[in-house]
């Protein structure tokens, strides 16, 4: 990322390494994170890693539901 941004998770002051679509905000909110309001989500390394784990779990549950 060109401009230094802070993580979109409240109370996190780390620099963001990823910019992601706000469509993923529902996964983070469901996991108990509170987000700063913006048009894009910016996540630090820790929170991006957590999002990947949560997204993988959601995708697995969705695949099981569709096989059904």
N, C-alpha and C. Protein backbone atom coordinates (compact mmCIF):
# COMPACT_ATOMS: atom_id res chain seq x y z
N UNK A 1 0.85 -1.17 0.00
CA UNK A 1 0.00 0.00 0.00
C UNK A 1 0.89 1.23 0.00
N UNK A 2 0.49 2.22 -0.75
CA UNK A 2 1.31 3.42 -0.89
C UNK A 2 1.25 4.29 0.36
N UNK A 3 0.06 4.58 0.82
CA UNK A 3 -0.12 5.47 1.96
C UNK A 3 -0.19 4.65 3.24
N UNK A 4 0.48 5.12 4.28
CA UNK A 4 0.44 4.41 5.56
C UNK A 4 -0.94 4.60 6.19
N UNK A 5 -1.62 3.50 6.40
CA UNK A 5 -2.95 3.51 7.03
C UNK A 5 -2.88 2.69 8.31
N UNK A 6 -3.79 2.98 9.20
CA UNK A 6 -3.92 2.22 10.43
C UNK A 6 -4.97 1.13 10.25
N UNK A 7 -4.90 0.11 11.03
CA UNK A 7 -5.85 -0.99 11.00
C UNK A 7 -7.25 -0.48 11.31
N UNK A 8 -8.27 -1.04 10.65
CA UNK A 8 -9.66 -0.60 10.83
C UNK A 8 -10.32 -1.18 12.08
N UNK A 9 -9.65 -2.06 12.77
CA UNK A 9 -10.19 -2.62 14.02
C UNK A 9 -9.98 -1.59 15.12
N UNK A 10 -11.03 -1.31 15.88
CA UNK A 10 -10.92 -0.32 16.95
C UNK A 10 -9.87 -0.76 17.97
N UNK A 11 -9.15 0.22 18.50
CA UNK A 11 -8.09 0.03 19.50
C UNK A 11 -6.87 -0.69 18.96
N UNK A 12 -6.71 -0.79 17.66
CA UNK A 12 -5.51 -1.37 17.06
C UNK A 12 -4.77 -0.24 16.36
N UNK A 13 -3.54 0.00 16.75
CA UNK A 13 -2.76 1.10 16.20
C UNK A 13 -1.69 0.63 15.22
N UNK A 14 -1.73 -0.64 14.83
CA UNK A 14 -0.74 -1.17 13.89
C UNK A 14 -0.99 -0.64 12.49
N UNK A 15 0.07 -0.59 11.69
CA UNK A 15 -0.06 -0.19 10.29
C UNK A 15 -0.71 -1.30 9.49
N UNK A 16 -1.56 -0.93 8.56
CA UNK A 16 -2.27 -1.90 7.73
C UNK A 16 -1.35 -2.43 6.64
N UNK A 17 -1.52 -3.73 6.34
CA UNK A 17 -0.77 -4.34 5.24
C UNK A 17 -1.69 -4.73 4.10
N UNK A 18 -3.00 -4.80 4.36
CA UNK A 18 -3.98 -5.22 3.36
C UNK A 18 -5.17 -4.27 3.36
N UNK A 19 -5.71 -4.07 2.20
CA UNK A 19 -6.95 -3.34 2.01
C UNK A 19 -7.94 -4.33 1.43
N UNK A 20 -9.09 -4.51 2.08
CA UNK A 20 -10.06 -5.49 1.62
C UNK A 20 -11.43 -4.86 1.47
N UNK A 21 -12.30 -5.56 0.80
CA UNK A 21 -13.65 -5.10 0.55
C UNK A 21 -14.46 -5.09 1.85
N UNK A 22 -15.39 -4.16 1.98
CA UNK A 22 -16.24 -4.13 3.18
C UNK A 22 -17.20 -5.32 3.27
N UNK A 23 -17.26 -6.16 2.24
CA UNK A 23 -18.11 -7.34 2.31
C UNK A 23 -17.66 -8.30 3.41
N UNK A 24 -16.39 -8.25 3.76
CA UNK A 24 -15.86 -9.13 4.80
C UNK A 24 -16.15 -8.61 6.20
N UNK A 25 -16.71 -7.43 6.32
CA UNK A 25 -16.98 -6.86 7.64
C UNK A 25 -17.96 -7.72 8.44
N UNK A 26 -18.91 -8.37 7.77
CA UNK A 26 -19.87 -9.20 8.50
C UNK A 26 -19.18 -10.37 9.19
N UNK A 27 -18.14 -10.92 8.59
CA UNK A 27 -17.39 -12.02 9.21
C UNK A 27 -16.68 -11.52 10.46
N UNK A 28 -16.07 -10.34 10.37
CA UNK A 28 -15.34 -9.78 11.52
C UNK A 28 -16.29 -9.38 12.64
N UNK A 29 -17.43 -8.80 12.29
CA UNK A 29 -18.41 -8.40 13.31
C UNK A 29 -18.97 -9.62 14.01
N UNK A 30 -19.25 -10.67 13.25
CA UNK A 30 -19.77 -11.91 13.82
C UNK A 30 -18.76 -12.54 14.80
N UNK A 31 -17.48 -12.32 14.55
CA UNK A 31 -16.42 -12.86 15.42
C UNK A 31 -16.19 -11.98 16.64
N UNK A 32 -16.86 -10.81 16.71
CA UNK A 32 -16.76 -9.97 17.89
C UNK A 32 -15.84 -8.78 17.77
N UNK A 33 -15.34 -8.48 16.58
CA UNK A 33 -14.49 -7.31 16.39
C UNK A 33 -15.37 -6.09 16.16
N UNK A 34 -14.93 -4.93 16.66
CA UNK A 34 -15.63 -3.69 16.35
C UNK A 34 -14.77 -2.91 15.37
N UNK A 35 -15.41 -2.39 14.34
CA UNK A 35 -14.70 -1.77 13.23
C UNK A 35 -14.91 -0.26 13.20
N UNK A 36 -13.91 0.44 12.69
CA UNK A 36 -14.07 1.85 12.38
C UNK A 36 -14.82 1.96 11.06
N UNK A 37 -15.68 2.95 10.94
CA UNK A 37 -16.48 3.12 9.72
C UNK A 37 -15.61 3.67 8.60
N UNK A 38 -15.64 3.00 7.45
CA UNK A 38 -14.97 3.52 6.26
C UNK A 38 -15.47 2.76 5.04
N UNK A 39 -15.07 3.22 3.86
CA UNK A 39 -15.52 2.57 2.64
C UNK A 39 -14.70 1.32 2.34
N UNK A 40 -13.49 1.21 2.86
CA UNK A 40 -12.64 0.02 2.71
C UNK A 40 -12.20 -0.42 4.09
N UNK A 41 -11.83 -1.67 4.21
CA UNK A 41 -11.26 -2.17 5.46
C UNK A 41 -9.76 -2.29 5.28
N UNK A 42 -9.03 -1.81 6.26
CA UNK A 42 -7.58 -1.92 6.26
C UNK A 42 -7.20 -2.76 7.46
N UNK A 43 -6.45 -3.82 7.23
CA UNK A 43 -6.11 -4.74 8.30
C UNK A 43 -4.61 -4.90 8.46
N UNK A 44 -4.19 -4.98 9.72
CA UNK A 44 -2.79 -5.25 10.02
C UNK A 44 -2.54 -6.75 9.83
N UNK A 45 -1.31 -7.15 9.98
CA UNK A 45 -0.93 -8.54 9.74
C UNK A 45 -1.70 -9.51 10.66
N UNK A 46 -1.81 -9.16 11.94
CA UNK A 46 -2.50 -10.03 12.91
C UNK A 46 -3.97 -10.22 12.55
N UNK A 47 -4.65 -9.12 12.28
CA UNK A 47 -6.08 -9.19 12.01
C UNK A 47 -6.37 -9.79 10.64
N UNK A 48 -5.48 -9.60 9.69
CA UNK A 48 -5.66 -10.24 8.38
C UNK A 48 -5.55 -11.75 8.51
N UNK A 49 -4.60 -12.20 9.33
CA UNK A 49 -4.43 -13.64 9.57
C UNK A 49 -5.69 -14.21 10.24
N UNK A 50 -6.24 -13.48 11.19
CA UNK A 50 -7.47 -13.90 11.86
C UNK A 50 -8.64 -13.95 10.88
N UNK A 51 -8.74 -12.96 9.99
CA UNK A 51 -9.80 -12.94 8.98
C UNK A 51 -9.69 -14.16 8.07
N UNK A 52 -8.49 -14.51 7.65
CA UNK A 52 -8.31 -15.68 6.79
C UNK A 52 -8.81 -16.95 7.48
N UNK A 53 -8.51 -17.10 8.77
CA UNK A 53 -8.98 -18.27 9.52
C UNK A 53 -10.50 -18.29 9.58
N UNK A 54 -11.10 -17.14 9.89
CA UNK A 54 -12.56 -17.06 9.99
C UNK A 54 -13.22 -17.33 8.64
N UNK A 55 -12.65 -16.78 7.58
CA UNK A 55 -13.21 -16.96 6.24
C UNK A 55 -13.12 -18.42 5.82
N UNK A 56 -12.01 -19.07 6.12
CA UNK A 56 -11.85 -20.49 5.80
C UNK A 56 -12.92 -21.32 6.52
N UNK A 57 -13.18 -21.00 7.77
CA UNK A 57 -14.20 -21.71 8.55
C UNK A 57 -15.59 -21.48 7.95
N UNK A 58 -15.91 -20.23 7.60
CA UNK A 58 -17.20 -19.91 6.99
C UNK A 58 -17.38 -20.64 5.66
N UNK A 59 -16.33 -20.68 4.84
CA UNK A 59 -16.40 -21.37 3.55
C UNK A 59 -16.63 -22.86 3.74
N UNK A 60 -15.96 -23.45 4.72
CA UNK A 60 -16.12 -24.88 4.99
C UNK A 60 -17.56 -25.18 5.41
N UNK A 61 -18.12 -24.35 6.29
CA UNK A 61 -19.50 -24.55 6.73
C UNK A 61 -20.48 -24.39 5.57
N UNK A 62 -20.21 -23.44 4.69
CA UNK A 62 -21.07 -23.22 3.53
C UNK A 62 -21.03 -24.41 2.58
N UNK A 63 -19.85 -24.97 2.36
CA UNK A 63 -19.74 -26.15 1.50
C UNK A 63 -20.50 -27.33 2.09
N UNK A 64 -20.39 -27.53 3.41
CA UNK A 64 -21.12 -28.62 4.06
C UNK A 64 -22.63 -28.41 3.92
N UNK A 65 -23.05 -27.14 4.10
CA UNK A 65 -24.48 -26.84 4.01
C UNK A 65 -25.01 -27.14 2.60
N UNK A 66 -24.24 -26.81 1.58
CA UNK A 66 -24.69 -27.01 0.21
C UNK A 66 -24.66 -28.49 -0.21
N UNK A 67 -23.77 -29.28 0.39
CA UNK A 67 -23.72 -30.71 0.06
C UNK A 67 -24.98 -31.43 0.56
N UNK A 68 -25.45 -31.01 1.69
CA UNK A 68 -26.51 -31.49 2.42
C UNK A 68 -27.48 -32.43 2.23
